Amino acid sequence: MNDDDDLTRLRELSARGSRDATDQLVELAAERGDLGELRRLAESGSRDAVDQLVEAAAEHEDLDELRRLADGGSQDAADVLEELTTE
């Protein structure tokens, strides 16, 4: 099985509610810097994906992404956004 097949299988399992598959997808997406995958996972309810997005946005000082995450209810994103905009 190749990487694409593995990702497809993990996505299928995640969509069926497998927490382990979701966790693996978050880890792989974070390693690859795949913000699109992290956003998709965050939108489906993964707090870990939100945390990874906040971390990536903070590293790149991506204020738009932090605002989007804060507007979506992430207190961590709101806190980082406040820190970055009051410096």
N, C-alpha and C. Protein backbone atom coordinates (compact mmCIF):
# COMPACT_ATOMS: atom_id res chain seq x y z
N MET A 1 0.85 -1.18 0.00
CA MET A 1 0.00 0.00 0.00
C MET A 1 0.89 1.24 0.00
N ASN A 2 0.53 2.26 -0.78
CA ASN A 2 1.34 3.47 -0.82
C ASN A 2 0.79 4.52 0.14
N ASP A 3 1.50 5.64 0.24
CA ASP A 3 1.12 6.68 1.19
C ASP A 3 -0.27 7.24 0.91
N ASP A 4 -0.61 7.42 -0.37
CA ASP A 4 -1.94 7.92 -0.71
C ASP A 4 -3.03 6.96 -0.27
N ASP A 5 -2.79 5.66 -0.45
CA ASP A 5 -3.75 4.66 0.00
C ASP A 5 -3.90 4.69 1.52
N ASP A 6 -2.77 4.84 2.20
CA ASP A 6 -2.79 4.91 3.66
C ASP A 6 -3.59 6.13 4.13
N LEU A 7 -3.35 7.28 3.50
CA LEU A 7 -4.09 8.49 3.88
C LEU A 7 -5.57 8.34 3.60
N THR A 8 -5.91 7.75 2.46
CA THR A 8 -7.32 7.53 2.13
C THR A 8 -7.98 6.65 3.17
N ARG A 9 -7.31 5.59 3.55
CA ARG A 9 -7.84 4.66 4.56
C ARG A 9 -7.99 5.36 5.91
N LEU A 10 -7.00 6.14 6.31
CA LEU A 10 -7.09 6.87 7.57
C LEU A 10 -8.25 7.87 7.54
N ARG A 11 -8.44 8.55 6.41
CA ARG A 11 -9.55 9.50 6.28
C ARG A 11 -10.89 8.80 6.39
N GLU A 12 -10.99 7.63 5.78
CA GLU A 12 -12.23 6.85 5.86
C GLU A 12 -12.52 6.46 7.31
N LEU A 13 -11.50 5.95 7.99
CA LEU A 13 -11.67 5.54 9.39
C LEU A 13 -12.01 6.74 10.27
N SER A 14 -11.34 7.86 10.02
CA SER A 14 -11.61 9.08 10.78
C SER A 14 -13.05 9.53 10.59
N ALA A 15 -13.51 9.49 9.34
CA ALA A 15 -14.88 9.91 9.04
C ALA A 15 -15.91 9.01 9.73
N ARG A 16 -15.52 7.77 9.99
CA ARG A 16 -16.41 6.83 10.70
C ARG A 16 -16.28 6.95 12.22
N GLY A 17 -15.45 7.90 12.66
CA GLY A 17 -15.36 8.15 14.10
C GLY A 17 -14.15 7.57 14.80
N SER A 18 -13.19 7.05 14.08
CA SER A 18 -12.00 6.48 14.72
C SER A 18 -11.10 7.60 15.23
N ARG A 19 -11.02 7.69 16.53
CA ARG A 19 -10.16 8.71 17.17
C ARG A 19 -8.69 8.46 16.83
N ASP A 20 -8.29 7.18 16.82
CA ASP A 20 -6.90 6.84 16.50
C ASP A 20 -6.54 7.30 15.09
N ALA A 21 -7.44 7.08 14.14
CA ALA A 21 -7.18 7.50 12.76
C ALA A 21 -7.08 9.01 12.68
N THR A 22 -7.97 9.70 13.39
CA THR A 22 -7.93 11.17 13.40
C THR A 22 -6.62 11.66 13.99
N ASP A 23 -6.22 11.06 15.09
CA ASP A 23 -4.95 11.45 15.72
C ASP A 23 -3.78 11.24 14.77
N GLN A 24 -3.78 10.13 14.05
CA GLN A 24 -2.70 9.86 13.09
C GLN A 24 -2.71 10.87 11.96
N LEU A 25 -3.92 11.21 11.48
CA LEU A 25 -4.02 12.21 10.41
C LEU A 25 -3.50 13.56 10.86
N VAL A 26 -3.83 13.95 12.09
CA VAL A 26 -3.35 15.23 12.63
C VAL A 26 -1.83 15.22 12.69
N GLU A 27 -1.27 14.14 13.20
CA GLU A 27 0.19 14.05 13.32
C GLU A 27 0.85 14.11 11.95
N LEU A 28 0.33 13.37 11.00
CA LEU A 28 0.91 13.36 9.66
C LEU A 28 0.77 14.73 8.98
N ALA A 29 -0.38 15.35 9.12
CA ALA A 29 -0.60 16.66 8.52
C ALA A 29 0.34 17.70 9.13
N ALA A 30 0.53 17.64 10.43
CA ALA A 30 1.44 18.58 11.10
C ALA A 30 2.86 18.37 10.61
N GLU A 31 3.28 17.12 10.47
CA GLU A 31 4.63 16.82 9.98
C GLU A 31 4.83 17.34 8.57
N ARG A 32 3.79 17.24 7.73
CA ARG A 32 3.88 17.67 6.33
C ARG A 32 3.61 19.16 6.16
N GLY A 33 3.13 19.80 7.21
CA GLY A 33 2.76 21.21 7.09
C GLY A 33 1.52 21.39 6.25
N ASP A 34 0.64 20.40 6.26
CA ASP A 34 -0.57 20.40 5.44
C ASP A 34 -1.69 21.11 6.19
N LEU A 35 -1.73 22.44 6.03
CA LEU A 35 -2.72 23.25 6.75
C LEU A 35 -4.13 22.95 6.28
N GLY A 36 -4.30 22.61 5.02
CA GLY A 36 -5.62 22.27 4.51
C GLY A 36 -6.20 21.06 5.22
N GLU A 37 -5.37 20.04 5.39
CA GLU A 37 -5.81 18.83 6.10
C GLU A 37 -6.10 19.16 7.56
N LEU A 38 -5.24 19.96 8.17
CA LEU A 38 -5.49 20.34 9.57
C LEU A 38 -6.79 21.13 9.70
N ARG A 39 -7.06 22.03 8.77
CA ARG A 39 -8.32 22.79 8.81
C ARG A 39 -9.51 21.86 8.70
N ARG A 40 -9.43 20.90 7.76
CA ARG A 40 -10.53 19.96 7.57
C ARG A 40 -10.77 19.16 8.86
N LEU A 41 -9.70 18.70 9.47
CA LEU A 41 -9.83 17.94 10.71
C LEU A 41 -10.36 18.81 11.85
N ALA A 42 -9.90 20.05 11.91
CA ALA A 42 -10.38 20.97 12.94
C ALA A 42 -11.88 21.22 12.77
N GLU A 43 -12.30 21.40 11.52
CA GLU A 43 -13.72 21.65 11.25
C GLU A 43 -14.58 20.44 11.60
N SER A 44 -13.98 19.26 11.58
CA SER A 44 -14.74 18.06 11.95
C SER A 44 -14.67 17.79 13.45
N GLY A 45 -14.04 18.71 14.20
CA GLY A 45 -14.08 18.61 15.65
C GLY A 45 -12.79 18.22 16.35
N SER A 46 -11.69 18.10 15.64
CA SER A 46 -10.43 17.69 16.28
C SER A 46 -9.77 18.88 16.98
N ARG A 47 -9.73 18.81 18.29
CA ARG A 47 -9.05 19.86 19.08
C ARG A 47 -7.55 19.83 18.81
N ASP A 48 -7.02 18.63 18.61
CA ASP A 48 -5.59 18.51 18.32
C ASP A 48 -5.23 19.24 17.03
N ALA A 49 -6.11 19.15 16.04
CA ALA A 49 -5.86 19.85 14.77
C ALA A 49 -5.91 21.35 14.99
N VAL A 50 -6.84 21.81 15.81
CA VAL A 50 -6.91 23.25 16.13
C VAL A 50 -5.62 23.68 16.80
N ASP A 51 -5.16 22.89 17.75
CA ASP A 51 -3.91 23.22 18.45
C ASP A 51 -2.74 23.32 17.48
N GLN A 52 -2.67 22.39 16.53
CA GLN A 52 -1.59 22.41 15.55
C GLN A 52 -1.69 23.64 14.64
N LEU A 53 -2.93 24.01 14.27
CA LEU A 53 -3.12 25.20 13.46
C LEU A 53 -2.71 26.46 14.20
N VAL A 54 -3.06 26.54 15.48
CA VAL A 54 -2.67 27.69 16.29
C VAL A 54 -1.15 27.78 16.36
N GLU A 55 -0.51 26.65 16.59
CA GLU A 55 0.95 26.62 16.68
C GLU A 55 1.59 27.08 15.36
N ALA A 56 1.09 26.57 14.24
CA ALA A 56 1.64 26.94 12.93
C ALA A 56 1.40 28.42 12.65
N ALA A 57 0.21 28.90 12.95
CA ALA A 57 -0.12 30.31 12.70
C ALA A 57 0.74 31.22 13.58
N ALA A 58 0.97 30.80 14.81
CA ALA A 58 1.80 31.60 15.72
C ALA A 58 3.24 31.66 15.21
N GLU A 59 3.76 30.52 14.76
CA GLU A 59 5.13 30.48 14.24
C GLU A 59 5.32 31.41 13.05
N HIS A 60 4.30 31.51 12.21
CA HIS A 60 4.38 32.32 11.00
C HIS A 60 3.75 33.70 11.18
N GLU A 61 3.32 33.98 12.41
CA GLU A 61 2.64 35.24 12.72
C GLU A 61 1.52 35.52 11.71
N ASP A 62 0.74 34.48 11.44
CA ASP A 62 -0.38 34.55 10.50
C ASP A 62 -1.62 35.05 11.26
N LEU A 63 -1.76 36.36 11.29
CA LEU A 63 -2.84 36.98 12.06
C LEU A 63 -4.22 36.62 11.51
N ASP A 64 -4.34 36.49 10.19
CA ASP A 64 -5.63 36.12 9.59
C ASP A 64 -6.07 34.74 10.06
N GLU A 65 -5.15 33.79 10.05
CA GLU A 65 -5.48 32.44 10.50
C GLU A 65 -5.81 32.44 11.99
N LEU A 66 -5.04 33.18 12.77
CA LEU A 66 -5.34 33.26 14.20
C LEU A 66 -6.71 33.88 14.45
N ARG A 67 -7.06 34.91 13.69
CA ARG A 67 -8.39 35.52 13.83
C ARG A 67 -9.48 34.51 13.48
N ARG A 68 -9.27 33.77 12.39
CA ARG A 68 -10.25 32.76 11.97
C ARG A 68 -10.45 31.72 13.06
N LEU A 69 -9.35 31.26 13.64
CA LEU A 69 -9.43 30.26 14.70
C LEU A 69 -10.07 30.84 15.96
N ALA A 70 -9.70 32.07 16.29
CA ALA A 70 -10.30 32.72 17.47
C ALA A 70 -11.80 32.91 17.26
N ASP A 71 -12.18 33.33 16.07
CA ASP A 71 -13.61 33.50 15.76
C ASP A 71 -14.36 32.18 15.84
N GLY A 72 -13.63 31.09 15.59
CA GLY A 72 -14.22 29.75 15.69
C GLY A 72 -14.27 29.22 17.10
N GLY A 73 -13.77 30.01 18.07
CA GLY A 73 -13.87 29.61 19.46
C GLY A 73 -12.58 29.18 20.13
N SER A 74 -11.46 29.29 19.45
CA SER A 74 -10.20 28.87 20.07
C SER A 74 -9.66 29.98 20.96
N GLN A 75 -9.68 29.73 22.25
CA GLN A 75 -9.13 30.69 23.20
C GLN A 75 -7.63 30.81 23.05
N ASP A 76 -6.97 29.69 22.73
CA ASP A 76 -5.52 29.72 22.52
C ASP A 76 -5.18 30.67 21.37
N ALA A 77 -5.95 30.59 20.29
CA ALA A 77 -5.71 31.47 19.15
C ALA A 77 -5.94 32.92 19.55
N ALA A 78 -6.98 33.17 20.31
CA ALA A 78 -7.27 34.53 20.77
C ALA A 78 -6.13 35.06 21.64
N ASP A 79 -5.61 34.20 22.50
CA ASP A 79 -4.50 34.62 23.38
C ASP A 79 -3.24 34.94 22.57
N VAL A 80 -2.91 34.09 21.61
CA VAL A 80 -1.72 34.32 20.78
C VAL A 80 -1.91 35.58 19.94
N LEU A 81 -3.10 35.74 19.41
CA LEU A 81 -3.41 36.93 18.60
C LEU A 81 -3.22 38.18 19.42
N GLU A 82 -3.71 38.16 20.64
CA GLU A 82 -3.56 39.32 21.53
C GLU A 82 -2.08 39.59 21.81
N GLU A 83 -1.33 38.55 22.07
CA GLU A 83 0.11 38.72 22.33
C GLU A 83 0.81 39.36 21.14
N LEU A 84 0.50 38.85 19.95
CA LEU A 84 1.18 39.34 18.73
C LEU A 84 0.77 40.75 18.36
N THR A 85 -0.44 41.13 18.67
CA THR A 85 -0.91 42.46 18.26
C THR A 85 -0.65 43.52 19.31
N THR A 86 -0.19 43.12 20.51
CA THR A 86 0.11 44.13 21.54
C THR A 86 1.61 44.29 21.74
N GLU A 87 2.41 43.61 20.93
CA GLU A 87 3.87 43.75 21.06
C GLU A 87 4.35 45.03 20.44
